[in-house]
Full PDB file with SEQRES, HELIX, SHEET, SSBOND, CRYST1, ORIGX, SCALE, CONECT and MASTER records, all heavy atoms in Angstrom:
SEQRES   1 A   33  GLY ASP LEU THR TYR PRO VAL PRO GLN THR LEU LEU ILE          
SEQRES   2 A   33  SER GLY MET MET ASN HIS VAL TYR GLU GLY PRO TYR ALA          
SEQRES   3 A   33  VAL LEU VAL PRO LEU SER VAL                                  
SHEET    1 AA1 2 GLN A   9  ILE A  13  0                                        
SHEET    2 AA1 2 MET A  16  VAL A  20 -1                                        
CRYST1    1.000    1.000    1.000  90.00  90.00  90.00 P 1           1          
ORIGX1      1.000000  0.000000  0.000000        0.00000                         
ORIGX2      0.000000  1.000000  0.000000        0.00000                         
ORIGX3      0.000000  0.000000  1.000000        0.00000                         
SCALE1      1.000000  0.000000  0.000000        0.00000                         
SCALE2      0.000000  1.000000  0.000000        0.00000                         
SCALE3      0.000000  0.000000  1.000000        0.00000                         
ATOM      1  N   GLY A   1      94.227  82.151 101.312  1.00  0.00           N  
ATOM      2  CA  GLY A   1      94.545  81.457 102.650  1.00  0.00           C  
ATOM      3  C   GLY A   1      93.990  82.404 103.800  1.00  0.00           C  
ATOM      4  O   GLY A   1      93.152  83.315 103.628  1.00  0.00           O  
ATOM      5  N   ASP A   2      94.354  81.943 104.963  1.00  0.00           N  
ATOM      6  CA  ASP A   2      93.929  82.670 106.218  1.00  0.00           C  
ATOM      7  C   ASP A   2      94.849  83.995 106.273  1.00  0.00           C  
ATOM      8  O   ASP A   2      95.992  84.118 105.989  1.00  0.00           O  
ATOM      9  CB  ASP A   2      94.161  81.924 107.361  1.00  0.00           C  
ATOM     10  CG  ASP A   2      93.189  80.588 107.381  1.00  0.00           C  
ATOM     11  OD1 ASP A   2      92.249  80.712 106.827  1.00  0.00           O  
ATOM     12  OD2 ASP A   2      93.715  79.517 107.969  1.00  0.00           O  
ATOM     13  N   LEU A   3      94.184  84.921 106.913  1.00  0.00           N  
ATOM     14  CA  LEU A   3      94.829  86.133 107.164  1.00  0.00           C  
ATOM     15  C   LEU A   3      95.775  86.146 108.344  1.00  0.00           C  
ATOM     16  O   LEU A   3      95.416  85.422 109.261  1.00  0.00           O  
ATOM     17  CB  LEU A   3      93.824  87.344 107.604  1.00  0.00           C  
ATOM     18  CG  LEU A   3      92.711  87.721 106.559  1.00  0.00           C  
ATOM     19  CD1 LEU A   3      91.791  88.661 106.956  1.00  0.00           C  
ATOM     20  CD2 LEU A   3      93.270  88.270 105.200  1.00  0.00           C  
ATOM     21  N   THR A   4      96.969  86.806 108.280  1.00  0.00           N  
ATOM     22  CA  THR A   4      97.904  86.843 109.387  1.00  0.00           C  
ATOM     23  C   THR A   4      98.221  88.216 109.717  1.00  0.00           C  
ATOM     24  O   THR A   4      98.386  89.080 108.867  1.00  0.00           O  
ATOM     25  CB  THR A   4      99.251  86.227 108.969  1.00  0.00           C  
ATOM     26  OG1 THR A   4      99.747  86.645 107.811  1.00  0.00           O  
ATOM     27  CG2 THR A   4      99.019  84.489 108.794  1.00  0.00           C  
ATOM     28  N   TYR A   5      97.976  88.645 111.177  1.00  0.00           N  
ATOM     29  CA  TYR A   5      98.062  89.895 111.411  1.00  0.00           C  
ATOM     30  C   TYR A   5      99.336  90.093 112.355  1.00  0.00           C  
ATOM     31  O   TYR A   5      99.853  89.194 112.948  1.00  0.00           O  
ATOM     32  CB  TYR A   5      96.869  90.119 112.501  1.00  0.00           C  
ATOM     33  CG  TYR A   5      95.564  90.196 111.879  1.00  0.00           C  
ATOM     34  CD1 TYR A   5      94.803  89.194 111.495  1.00  0.00           C  
ATOM     35  CD2 TYR A   5      94.945  91.448 111.819  1.00  0.00           C  
ATOM     36  CE1 TYR A   5      93.470  89.234 111.017  1.00  0.00           C  
ATOM     37  CE2 TYR A   5      93.584  91.698 111.354  1.00  0.00           C  
ATOM     38  CZ  TYR A   5      92.897  90.376 110.787  1.00  0.00           C  
ATOM     39  OH  TYR A   5      91.697  90.599 110.358  1.00  0.00           O  
ATOM     40  N   PRO A   6      99.741  91.436 112.386  1.00  0.00           N  
ATOM     41  CA  PRO A   6     100.892  91.719 113.309  1.00  0.00           C  
ATOM     42  C   PRO A   6     100.325  91.777 114.872  1.00  0.00           C  
ATOM     43  O   PRO A   6      99.213  91.472 115.050  1.00  0.00           O  
ATOM     44  CB  PRO A   6     101.273  93.136 112.943  1.00  0.00           C  
ATOM     45  CG  PRO A   6     100.083  93.731 112.336  1.00  0.00           C  
ATOM     46  CD  PRO A   6      99.297  92.542 111.670  1.00  0.00           C  
ATOM     47  N   VAL A   7     101.268  91.951 115.785  1.00  0.00           N  
ATOM     48  CA  VAL A   7     100.872  91.833 117.230  1.00  0.00           C  
ATOM     49  C   VAL A   7      99.872  93.264 117.463  1.00  0.00           C  
ATOM     50  O   VAL A   7     100.370  94.246 117.127  1.00  0.00           O  
ATOM     51  CB  VAL A   7     102.031  91.884 118.158  1.00  0.00           C  
ATOM     52  CG1 VAL A   7     101.665  91.986 119.543  1.00  0.00           C  
ATOM     53  CG2 VAL A   7     102.960  90.842 117.803  1.00  0.00           C  
ATOM     54  N   PRO A   8      98.785  92.904 117.993  1.00  0.00           N  
ATOM     55  CA  PRO A   8      97.899  93.989 118.209  1.00  0.00           C  
ATOM     56  C   PRO A   8      98.121  94.752 119.547  1.00  0.00           C  
ATOM     57  O   PRO A   8      99.065  94.437 120.239  1.00  0.00           O  
ATOM     58  CB  PRO A   8      96.479  93.328 118.413  1.00  0.00           C  
ATOM     59  CG  PRO A   8      96.667  91.878 118.866  1.00  0.00           C  
ATOM     60  CD  PRO A   8      98.198  91.443 118.175  1.00  0.00           C  
ATOM     61  N   GLN A   9      97.522  95.741 119.768  1.00  0.00           N  
ATOM     62  CA  GLN A   9      97.588  96.536 121.021  1.00  0.00           C  
ATOM     63  C   GLN A   9      96.363  96.404 121.811  1.00  0.00           C  
ATOM     64  O   GLN A   9      95.255  96.041 121.331  1.00  0.00           O  
ATOM     65  CB  GLN A   9      97.857  98.088 120.683  1.00  0.00           C  
ATOM     66  CG  GLN A   9      99.031  98.194 119.843  1.00  0.00           C  
ATOM     67  CD  GLN A   9      99.007  99.592 119.093  1.00  0.00           C  
ATOM     68  OE1 GLN A   9      98.181  99.767 118.311  1.00  0.00           O  
ATOM     69  NE2 GLN A   9     100.011 100.539 119.424  1.00  0.00           N  
ATOM     70  N   THR A  10      96.437  96.669 123.196  1.00  0.00           N  
ATOM     71  CA  THR A  10      95.204  96.628 124.008  1.00  0.00           C  
ATOM     72  C   THR A  10      94.848  98.136 124.122  1.00  0.00           C  
ATOM     73  O   THR A  10      95.645  99.130 124.269  1.00  0.00           O  
ATOM     74  CB  THR A  10      95.565  96.227 125.390  1.00  0.00           C  
ATOM     75  OG1 THR A  10      96.698  96.818 125.955  1.00  0.00           O  
ATOM     76  CG2 THR A  10      96.020  94.640 125.241  1.00  0.00           C  
ATOM     77  N   LEU A  11      93.487  98.247 124.201  1.00  0.00           N  
ATOM     78  CA  LEU A  11      92.960  99.547 124.483  1.00  0.00           C  
ATOM     79  C   LEU A  11      91.632  99.391 125.270  1.00  0.00           C  
ATOM     80  O   LEU A  11      90.608  98.754 124.852  1.00  0.00           O  
ATOM     81  CB  LEU A  11      92.385 100.182 123.165  1.00  0.00           C  
ATOM     82  CG  LEU A  11      91.691 101.530 123.253  1.00  0.00           C  
ATOM     83  CD1 LEU A  11      92.598 102.539 123.751  1.00  0.00           C  
ATOM     84  CD2 LEU A  11      91.199 101.882 121.882  1.00  0.00           C  
ATOM     85  N   LEU A  12      91.770  99.700 126.605  1.00  0.00           N  
ATOM     86  CA  LEU A  12      90.783  99.688 127.648  1.00  0.00           C  
ATOM     87  C   LEU A  12      89.863 100.898 127.622  1.00  0.00           C  
ATOM     88  O   LEU A  12      90.423 101.935 127.960  1.00  0.00           O  
ATOM     89  CB  LEU A  12      91.416  99.380 129.014  1.00  0.00           C  
ATOM     90  CG  LEU A  12      90.431  98.942 130.215  1.00  0.00           C  
ATOM     91  CD1 LEU A  12      89.810  97.599 129.778  1.00  0.00           C  
ATOM     92  CD2 LEU A  12      91.119  98.786 131.398  1.00  0.00           C  
ATOM     93  N   ILE A  13      88.640 100.829 127.427  1.00  0.00           N  
ATOM     94  CA  ILE A  13      87.612 101.936 127.363  1.00  0.00           C  
ATOM     95  C   ILE A  13      86.507 101.615 128.230  1.00  0.00           C  
ATOM     96  O   ILE A  13      85.731 100.535 127.920  1.00  0.00           O  
ATOM     97  CB  ILE A  13      87.257 102.313 125.927  1.00  0.00           C  
ATOM     98  CG1 ILE A  13      88.491 102.707 125.104  1.00  0.00           C  
ATOM     99  CG2 ILE A  13      86.289 103.482 126.041  1.00  0.00           C  
ATOM    100  CD1 ILE A  13      88.049 103.087 123.649  1.00  0.00           C  
ATOM    101  N   SER A  14      86.187 102.269 129.395  1.00  0.00           N  
ATOM    102  CA  SER A  14      85.094 102.037 130.029  1.00  0.00           C  
ATOM    103  C   SER A  14      84.947 100.543 130.624  1.00  0.00           C  
ATOM    104  O   SER A  14      83.882 100.019 130.597  1.00  0.00           O  
ATOM    105  CB  SER A  14      83.745 102.428 129.335  1.00  0.00           C  
ATOM    106  OG  SER A  14      83.838 103.780 129.034  1.00  0.00           O  
ATOM    107  N   GLY A  15      86.142  99.974 130.861  1.00  0.00           N  
ATOM    108  CA  GLY A  15      86.147  98.695 131.390  1.00  0.00           C  
ATOM    109  C   GLY A  15      86.110  97.482 130.396  1.00  0.00           C  
ATOM    110  O   GLY A  15      86.005  96.353 130.763  1.00  0.00           O  
ATOM    111  N   MET A  16      86.074  97.950 129.170  1.00  0.00           N  
ATOM    112  CA  MET A  16      85.942  96.986 127.983  1.00  0.00           C  
ATOM    113  C   MET A  16      87.354  97.008 127.185  1.00  0.00           C  
ATOM    114  O   MET A  16      87.752  98.011 126.923  1.00  0.00           O  
ATOM    115  CB  MET A  16      84.763  97.370 127.045  1.00  0.00           C  
ATOM    116  CG  MET A  16      83.534  97.505 127.761  1.00  0.00           C  
ATOM    117  SD  MET A  16      82.098  97.938 126.546  1.00  0.00           S  
ATOM    118  CE  MET A  16      81.998  96.500 125.522  1.00  0.00           C  
ATOM    119  N   MET A  17      87.845  95.786 127.170  1.00  0.00           N  
ATOM    120  CA  MET A  17      89.089  95.615 126.469  1.00  0.00           C  
ATOM    121  C   MET A  17      88.953  95.383 124.975  1.00  0.00           C  
ATOM    122  O   MET A  17      88.225  94.508 124.527  1.00  0.00           O  
ATOM    123  CB  MET A  17      89.865  94.398 127.022  1.00  0.00           C  
ATOM    124  CG  MET A  17      91.215  94.074 126.443  1.00  0.00           C  
ATOM    125  SD  MET A  17      92.398  95.419 126.686  1.00  0.00           S  
ATOM    126  CE  MET A  17      92.659  95.200 128.414  1.00  0.00           C  
ATOM    127  N   ASN A  18      89.711  96.152 124.260  1.00  0.00           N  
ATOM    128  CA  ASN A  18      89.737  96.034 122.695  1.00  0.00           C  
ATOM    129  C   ASN A  18      91.033  95.737 122.323  1.00  0.00           C  
ATOM    130  O   ASN A  18      92.041  96.131 122.826  1.00  0.00           O  
ATOM    131  CB  ASN A  18      89.369  97.503 122.117  1.00  0.00           C  
ATOM    132  CG  ASN A  18      87.889  97.878 122.490  1.00  0.00           C  
ATOM    133  OD1 ASN A  18      86.919  97.488 121.995  1.00  0.00           O  
ATOM    134  ND2 ASN A  18      87.878  98.598 123.672  1.00  0.00           N  
ATOM    135  N   HIS A  19      91.209  94.844 121.147  1.00  0.00           N  
ATOM    136  CA  HIS A  19      92.396  94.479 120.585  1.00  0.00           C  
ATOM    137  C   HIS A  19      92.493  95.291 119.277  1.00  0.00           C  
ATOM    138  O   HIS A  19      91.835  94.962 118.251  1.00  0.00           O  
ATOM    139  CB  HIS A  19      92.332  92.907 120.309  1.00  0.00           C  
ATOM    140  CG  HIS A  19      92.097  92.216 121.513  1.00  0.00           C  
ATOM    141  ND1 HIS A  19      91.509  90.989 121.468  1.00  0.00           N  
ATOM    142  CD2 HIS A  19      92.348  92.423 122.865  1.00  0.00           C  
ATOM    143  CE1 HIS A  19      91.283  90.588 122.685  1.00  0.00           C  
ATOM    144  NE2 HIS A  19      91.916  91.453 123.646  1.00  0.00           N  
ATOM    145  N   VAL A  20      93.387  96.150 119.181  1.00  0.00           N  
ATOM    146  CA  VAL A  20      93.394  97.236 118.080  1.00  0.00           C  
ATOM    147  C   VAL A  20      94.799  97.433 117.341  1.00  0.00           C  
ATOM    148  O   VAL A  20      95.791  97.073 117.875  1.00  0.00           O  
ATOM    149  CB  VAL A  20      92.828  98.556 118.721  1.00  0.00           C  
ATOM    150  CG1 VAL A  20      91.395  98.341 119.351  1.00  0.00           C  
ATOM    151  CG2 VAL A  20      93.777  99.129 119.524  1.00  0.00           C  
ATOM    152  N   TYR A  21      94.777  98.368 116.371  1.00  0.00           N  
ATOM    153  CA  TYR A  21      95.804  98.817 115.792  1.00  0.00           C  
ATOM    154  C   TYR A  21      95.698 100.290 115.682  1.00  0.00           C  
ATOM    155  O   TYR A  21      94.772 100.813 114.869  1.00  0.00           O  
ATOM    156  CB  TYR A  21      96.136  98.229 114.421  1.00  0.00           C  
ATOM    157  CG  TYR A  21      96.172  96.617 114.400  1.00  0.00           C  
ATOM    158  CD1 TYR A  21      95.276  95.872 114.182  1.00  0.00           C  
ATOM    159  CD2 TYR A  21      97.561  96.070 114.769  1.00  0.00           C  
ATOM    160  CE1 TYR A  21      95.394  94.393 114.249  1.00  0.00           C  
ATOM    161  CE2 TYR A  21      97.708  94.697 114.833  1.00  0.00           C  
ATOM    162  CZ  TYR A  21      96.613  93.918 114.573  1.00  0.00           C  
ATOM    163  OH  TYR A  21      96.854  92.625 114.653  1.00  0.00           O  
ATOM    164  N   GLU A  22      96.507 101.069 116.263  1.00  0.00           N  
ATOM    165  CA  GLU A  22      96.346 102.440 116.309  1.00  0.00           C  
ATOM    166  C   GLU A  22      97.282 103.220 115.339  1.00  0.00           C  
ATOM    167  O   GLU A  22      97.134 104.477 115.217  1.00  0.00           O  
ATOM    168  CB  GLU A  22      96.543 103.071 117.772  1.00  0.00           C  
ATOM    169  CG  GLU A  22      95.529 102.537 118.876  1.00  0.00           C  
ATOM    170  CD  GLU A  22      95.807 103.135 120.115  1.00  0.00           C  
ATOM    171  OE1 GLU A  22      96.844 103.065 120.754  1.00  0.00           O  
ATOM    172  OE2 GLU A  22      94.727 103.662 120.646  1.00  0.00           O  
ATOM    173  N   GLY A  23      98.150 102.469 114.698  1.00  0.00           N  
ATOM    174  CA  GLY A  23      98.968 103.068 113.660  1.00  0.00           C  
ATOM    175  C   GLY A  23      98.823 102.258 112.391  1.00  0.00           C  
ATOM    176  O   GLY A  23      98.158 101.361 112.289  1.00  0.00           O  
ATOM    177  N   PRO A  24      99.714 102.567 111.346  1.00  0.00           N  
ATOM    178  CA  PRO A  24      99.632 101.810 110.070  1.00  0.00           C  
ATOM    179  C   PRO A  24     100.028 100.401 110.391  1.00  0.00           C  
ATOM    180  O   PRO A  24     100.835 100.047 111.236  1.00  0.00           O  
ATOM    181  CB  PRO A  24     100.720 102.563 109.302  1.00  0.00           C  
ATOM    182  CG  PRO A  24     100.815 103.936 109.780  1.00  0.00           C  
ATOM    183  CD  PRO A  24     100.631 103.832 111.280  1.00  0.00           C  
ATOM    184  N   TYR A  25      99.406  99.392 109.665  1.00  0.00           N  
ATOM    185  CA  TYR A  25      99.708  98.101 109.853  1.00  0.00           C  
ATOM    186  C   TYR A  25      99.365  97.313 108.561  1.00  0.00           C  
ATOM    187  O   TYR A  25      98.677  97.914 107.689  1.00  0.00           O  
ATOM    188  CB  TYR A  25      98.902  97.468 110.947  1.00  0.00           C  
ATOM    189  CG  TYR A  25      97.236  97.459 110.845  1.00  0.00           C  
ATOM    190  CD1 TYR A  25      96.793  96.334 110.525  1.00  0.00           C  
ATOM    191  CD2 TYR A  25      96.685  98.699 111.216  1.00  0.00           C  
ATOM    192  CE1 TYR A  25      95.183  96.431 110.360  1.00  0.00           C  
ATOM    193  CE2 TYR A  25      95.298  98.637 111.062  1.00  0.00           C  
ATOM    194  CZ  TYR A  25      94.642  97.614 110.643  1.00  0.00           C  
ATOM    195  OH  TYR A  25      93.228  97.583 110.646  1.00  0.00           O  
ATOM    196  N   ALA A  26      99.834  96.137 108.361  1.00  0.00           N  
ATOM    197  CA  ALA A  26      99.542  95.426 107.120  1.00  0.00           C  
ATOM    198  C   ALA A  26      99.127  93.897 107.591  1.00  0.00           C  
ATOM    199  O   ALA A  26      99.596  93.288 108.385  1.00  0.00           O  
ATOM    200  CB  ALA A  26     100.745  95.252 106.382  1.00  0.00           C  
ATOM    201  N   VAL A  27      98.104  93.447 106.876  1.00  0.00           N  
ATOM    202  CA  VAL A  27      97.448  92.147 107.161  1.00  0.00           C  
ATOM    203  C   VAL A  27      97.956  91.348 105.891  1.00  0.00           C  
ATOM    204  O   VAL A  27      97.544  91.712 104.797  1.00  0.00           O  
ATOM    205  CB  VAL A  27      96.045  92.164 107.311  1.00  0.00           C  
ATOM    206  CG1 VAL A  27      95.439  90.684 107.621  1.00  0.00           C  
ATOM    207  CG2 VAL A  27      95.644  93.042 108.481  1.00  0.00           C  
ATOM    208  N   LEU A  28      98.554  90.139 106.139  1.00  0.00           N  
ATOM    209  CA  LEU A  28      99.163  89.372 104.972  1.00  0.00           C  
ATOM    210  C   LEU A  28      98.169  88.143 104.666  1.00  0.00           C  
ATOM    211  O   LEU A  28      97.459  87.515 105.708  1.00  0.00           O  
ATOM    212  CB  LEU A  28     100.520  88.907 105.260  1.00  0.00           C  
ATOM    213  CG  LEU A  28     101.518  90.008 105.631  1.00  0.00           C  
ATOM    214  CD1 LEU A  28     102.865  89.293 105.888  1.00  0.00           C  
ATOM    215  CD2 LEU A  28     101.556  91.023 104.578  1.00  0.00           C  
ATOM    216  N   VAL A  29      98.069  87.866 103.532  1.00  0.00           N  
ATOM    217  CA  VAL A  29      97.323  86.594 103.094  1.00  0.00           C  
ATOM    218  C   VAL A  29      98.045  85.903 101.895  1.00  0.00           C  
ATOM    219  O   VAL A  29      98.489  86.503 100.943  1.00  0.00           O  
ATOM    220  CB  VAL A  29      95.816  87.074 102.706  1.00  0.00           C  
ATOM    221  CG1 VAL A  29      95.906  88.034 101.670  1.00  0.00           C  
ATOM    222  CG2 VAL A  29      95.070  85.803 102.369  1.00  0.00           C  
ATOM    223  N   PRO A  30      98.151  84.626 102.056  1.00  0.00           N  
ATOM    224  CA  PRO A  30      98.813  83.848 100.711  1.00  0.00           C  
ATOM    225  C   PRO A  30      97.724  83.558  99.727  1.00  0.00           C  
ATOM    226  O   PRO A  30      96.636  83.213  99.923  1.00  0.00           O  
ATOM    227  CB  PRO A  30      99.260  82.561 101.469  1.00  0.00           C  
ATOM    228  CG  PRO A  30      98.442  82.331 102.547  1.00  0.00           C  
ATOM    229  CD  PRO A  30      97.951  83.756 103.106  1.00  0.00           C  
ATOM    230  N   LEU A  31      98.203  83.707  98.465  1.00  0.00           N  
ATOM    231  CA  LEU A  31      97.199  83.386  97.392  1.00  0.00           C  
ATOM    232  C   LEU A  31      97.760  82.246  96.500  1.00  0.00           C  
ATOM    233  O   LEU A  31      98.994  82.302  96.087  1.00  0.00           O  
ATOM    234  CB  LEU A  31      97.086  84.677  96.486  1.00  0.00           C  
ATOM    235  CG  LEU A  31      96.119  84.648  95.335  1.00  0.00           C  
ATOM    236  CD1 LEU A  31      94.649  84.572  95.905  1.00  0.00           C  
ATOM    237  CD2 LEU A  31      96.174  85.905  94.497  1.00  0.00           C  
ATOM    238  N   SER A  32      97.060  81.108  96.345  1.00  0.00           N  
ATOM    239  CA  SER A  32      97.378  80.016  95.724  1.00  0.00           C  
ATOM    240  C   SER A  32      97.172  79.964  94.218  1.00  0.00           C  
ATOM    241  O   SER A  32      96.089  80.425  93.748  1.00  0.00           O  
ATOM    242  CB  SER A  32      96.682  78.693  96.209  1.00  0.00           C  
ATOM    243  OG  SER A  32      97.055  78.462  97.632  1.00  0.00           O  
ATOM    244  N   VAL A  33      98.187  79.753  93.489  1.00  0.00           N  
ATOM    245  CA  VAL A  33      98.105  79.861  91.974  1.00  0.00           C  
ATOM    246  C   VAL A  33      98.048  78.421  91.341  1.00  0.00           C  
ATOM    247  O   VAL A  33      98.708  77.583  91.684  1.00  0.00           O  
ATOM    248  CB  VAL A  33      99.301  80.577  91.391  1.00  0.00           C  
ATOM    249  CG1 VAL A  33      99.235  80.779  89.898  1.00  0.00           C  
ATOM    250  CG2 VAL A  33      99.515  81.901  92.003  1.00  0.00           C  
TER     251      VAL A  33                                                      
MASTER        0    0    0    0    2    0    0    6  250    1    0    3          
END                                                                             
C-alpha cells in the first residue's frame, strides 16, 4: 500500500524550505496477503 510517514521537521537553508527527518524515523507500509 501507500507509505505513511511520521511528522516531518522544517529545515530552512538559504531561503529554501526542506521537509526532513534529522533523527531516526520509521516509514510504515501495509502489505496485503
